[in-house]
Amino acid sequence: MDKQRAQEIMDSLAMIQVHYHGIPVYIEGINNKDETATVFPLDEMHNSQHVELHGLSENRSIP
């Protein structure tokens, strides 16, 4: 995922499904100095992690 799309997802009022290597996560923040984000798995909200943006993917449903 690119930095701009990650920021759009964070700014969105809608809940957009994002995965990190297949694990559903919530994006807490983006590090503007490098290509990383702070996320936490939806089933472990206390387990915040710094991950590379390229490992994030948006789960887009097809209508």
N, C-alpha and C. Protein backbone atom coordinates (compact mmCIF):
# COMPACT_ATOMS: atom_id res chain seq x y z
N MET A 1 0.85 -1.16 0.00
CA MET A 1 0.00 0.00 0.00
C MET A 1 0.90 1.23 0.00
N ASP A 2 0.50 2.25 -0.72
CA ASP A 2 1.32 3.46 -0.71
C ASP A 2 0.90 4.37 0.45
N LYS A 3 1.77 5.29 0.78
CA LYS A 3 1.59 6.17 1.94
C LYS A 3 0.32 7.02 1.82
N GLN A 4 0.04 7.50 0.61
CA GLN A 4 -1.14 8.35 0.40
C GLN A 4 -2.43 7.57 0.68
N ARG A 5 -2.52 6.33 0.18
CA ARG A 5 -3.74 5.55 0.40
C ARG A 5 -3.89 5.20 1.88
N ALA A 6 -2.81 4.89 2.56
CA ALA A 6 -2.88 4.61 3.99
C ALA A 6 -3.41 5.82 4.75
N GLN A 7 -2.97 7.01 4.37
CA GLN A 7 -3.46 8.24 5.01
C GLN A 7 -4.94 8.44 4.72
N GLU A 8 -5.37 8.18 3.48
CA GLU A 8 -6.79 8.31 3.12
C GLU A 8 -7.65 7.36 3.97
N ILE A 9 -7.17 6.15 4.19
CA ILE A 9 -7.90 5.18 5.00
C ILE A 9 -7.98 5.66 6.44
N MET A 10 -6.89 6.18 6.97
CA MET A 10 -6.90 6.71 8.34
C MET A 10 -7.87 7.87 8.48
N ASP A 11 -7.95 8.73 7.47
CA ASP A 11 -8.80 9.92 7.53
C ASP A 11 -10.27 9.63 7.24
N SER A 12 -10.55 8.46 6.71
CA SER A 12 -11.92 8.12 6.31
C SER A 12 -12.81 7.89 7.53
N LEU A 13 -14.05 8.30 7.41
CA LEU A 13 -15.04 8.03 8.46
C LEU A 13 -15.54 6.60 8.38
N ALA A 14 -15.41 6.00 7.20
CA ALA A 14 -15.84 4.61 7.02
C ALA A 14 -14.77 3.67 7.56
N MET A 15 -15.20 2.49 7.98
CA MET A 15 -14.27 1.45 8.41
C MET A 15 -13.84 0.67 7.17
N ILE A 16 -12.63 0.87 6.74
CA ILE A 16 -12.10 0.21 5.56
C ILE A 16 -11.23 -0.95 6.03
N GLN A 17 -11.50 -2.12 5.50
CA GLN A 17 -10.77 -3.31 5.93
C GLN A 17 -9.35 -3.30 5.36
N VAL A 18 -8.38 -3.43 6.26
CA VAL A 18 -6.97 -3.46 5.89
C VAL A 18 -6.36 -4.71 6.53
N HIS A 19 -5.48 -5.35 5.79
CA HIS A 19 -4.78 -6.53 6.29
C HIS A 19 -3.27 -6.32 6.21
N TYR A 20 -2.57 -6.90 7.16
CA TYR A 20 -1.12 -6.95 7.12
C TYR A 20 -0.74 -8.42 6.97
N HIS A 21 -0.29 -8.78 5.79
CA HIS A 21 0.02 -10.17 5.47
C HIS A 21 -1.11 -11.10 5.88
N GLY A 22 -2.35 -10.70 5.54
CA GLY A 22 -3.52 -11.53 5.78
C GLY A 22 -4.20 -11.35 7.12
N ILE A 23 -3.61 -10.58 8.03
CA ILE A 23 -4.18 -10.37 9.36
C ILE A 23 -4.92 -9.03 9.38
N PRO A 24 -6.22 -9.00 9.74
CA PRO A 24 -6.96 -7.74 9.80
C PRO A 24 -6.34 -6.80 10.84
N VAL A 25 -6.06 -5.56 10.42
CA VAL A 25 -5.43 -4.57 11.30
C VAL A 25 -6.12 -3.22 11.18
N TYR A 26 -5.86 -2.38 12.17
CA TYR A 26 -6.30 -0.99 12.18
C TYR A 26 -5.04 -0.12 12.11
N ILE A 27 -5.05 0.87 11.21
CA ILE A 27 -3.89 1.77 11.07
C ILE A 27 -4.03 2.89 12.08
N GLU A 28 -3.08 2.98 13.00
CA GLU A 28 -3.06 4.04 14.01
C GLU A 28 -2.32 5.29 13.52
N GLY A 29 -1.24 5.08 12.76
CA GLY A 29 -0.44 6.21 12.33
C GLY A 29 0.52 5.80 11.22
N ILE A 30 1.06 6.82 10.56
CA ILE A 30 2.00 6.61 9.47
C ILE A 30 3.27 7.38 9.79
N ASN A 31 4.42 6.74 9.61
CA ASN A 31 5.69 7.41 9.81
C ASN A 31 6.08 8.07 8.50
N ASN A 32 6.11 9.39 8.47
CA ASN A 32 6.40 10.12 7.25
C ASN A 32 7.87 10.08 6.86
N LYS A 33 8.74 9.63 7.75
CA LYS A 33 10.18 9.57 7.44
C LYS A 33 10.56 8.33 6.67
N ASP A 34 9.76 7.29 6.79
CA ASP A 34 10.04 6.05 6.06
C ASP A 34 8.72 5.42 5.63
N GLU A 35 8.77 4.27 5.10
CA GLU A 35 7.58 3.59 4.59
C GLU A 35 7.03 2.61 5.63
N THR A 36 6.69 3.13 6.83
CA THR A 36 6.13 2.28 7.88
C THR A 36 4.86 2.89 8.43
N ALA A 37 4.10 2.03 9.11
CA ALA A 37 2.87 2.46 9.78
C ALA A 37 2.80 1.79 11.14
N THR A 38 2.08 2.40 12.05
CA THR A 38 1.78 1.78 13.33
C THR A 38 0.38 1.19 13.22
N VAL A 39 0.26 -0.10 13.48
CA VAL A 39 -1.02 -0.80 13.36
C VAL A 39 -1.22 -1.69 14.58
N PHE A 40 -2.46 -2.13 14.76
CA PHE A 40 -2.70 -3.20 15.73
C PHE A 40 -3.71 -4.17 15.13
N PRO A 41 -3.49 -5.47 15.39
CA PRO A 41 -4.45 -6.47 14.93
C PRO A 41 -5.81 -6.23 15.58
N LEU A 42 -6.87 -6.42 14.84
CA LEU A 42 -8.21 -6.17 15.38
C LEU A 42 -8.56 -7.09 16.54
N ASP A 43 -7.93 -8.26 16.61
CA ASP A 43 -8.21 -9.17 17.72
C ASP A 43 -7.22 -9.03 18.87
N GLU A 44 -6.26 -8.09 18.75
CA GLU A 44 -5.29 -7.82 19.82
C GLU A 44 -5.02 -6.32 19.87
N MET A 45 -6.01 -5.56 20.25
CA MET A 45 -5.92 -4.10 20.17
C MET A 45 -4.82 -3.52 21.05
N HIS A 46 -4.34 -4.24 22.02
CA HIS A 46 -3.27 -3.76 22.89
C HIS A 46 -1.87 -4.05 22.31
N ASN A 47 -1.81 -4.74 21.16
CA ASN A 47 -0.54 -5.18 20.59
C ASN A 47 -0.15 -4.32 19.39
N SER A 48 0.20 -3.08 19.64
CA SER A 48 0.58 -2.15 18.59
C SER A 48 1.94 -2.53 17.99
N GLN A 49 2.05 -2.41 16.66
CA GLN A 49 3.28 -2.81 15.97
C GLN A 49 3.63 -1.79 14.89
N HIS A 50 4.93 -1.68 14.59
CA HIS A 50 5.40 -0.88 13.46
C HIS A 50 5.66 -1.84 12.32
N VAL A 51 5.02 -1.59 11.17
CA VAL A 51 5.14 -2.49 10.03
C VAL A 51 5.43 -1.68 8.77
N GLU A 52 5.95 -2.36 7.76
CA GLU A 52 6.22 -1.71 6.48
C GLU A 52 4.92 -1.56 5.69
N LEU A 53 4.75 -0.40 5.05
CA LEU A 53 3.53 -0.14 4.30
C LEU A 53 3.29 -1.15 3.19
N HIS A 54 4.35 -1.64 2.58
CA HIS A 54 4.15 -2.57 1.46
C HIS A 54 3.52 -3.89 1.90
N GLY A 55 3.49 -4.17 3.20
CA GLY A 55 2.84 -5.36 3.72
C GLY A 55 1.35 -5.19 3.95
N LEU A 56 0.87 -3.94 3.85
CA LEU A 56 -0.55 -3.66 4.06
C LEU A 56 -1.31 -3.79 2.75
N SER A 57 -2.52 -4.31 2.83
CA SER A 57 -3.39 -4.39 1.66
C SER A 57 -4.81 -4.07 2.07
N GLU A 58 -5.52 -3.44 1.14
CA GLU A 58 -6.91 -3.08 1.38
C GLU A 58 -7.79 -4.20 0.86
N ASN A 59 -8.76 -4.60 1.66
CA ASN A 59 -9.69 -5.64 1.26
C ASN A 59 -10.88 -4.98 0.59
N ARG A 60 -10.83 -4.90 -0.72
CA ARG A 60 -11.91 -4.26 -1.47
C ARG A 60 -12.91 -5.31 -1.90
N SER A 61 -14.14 -5.11 -1.49
CA SER A 61 -15.19 -6.04 -1.91
C SER A 61 -15.72 -5.61 -3.26
N ILE A 62 -16.02 -6.58 -4.09
CA ILE A 62 -16.53 -6.31 -5.42
C ILE A 62 -18.05 -6.40 -5.36
N PRO A 63 -18.76 -5.31 -5.76
CA PRO A 63 -20.24 -5.32 -5.68
C PRO A 63 -20.87 -6.29 -6.65
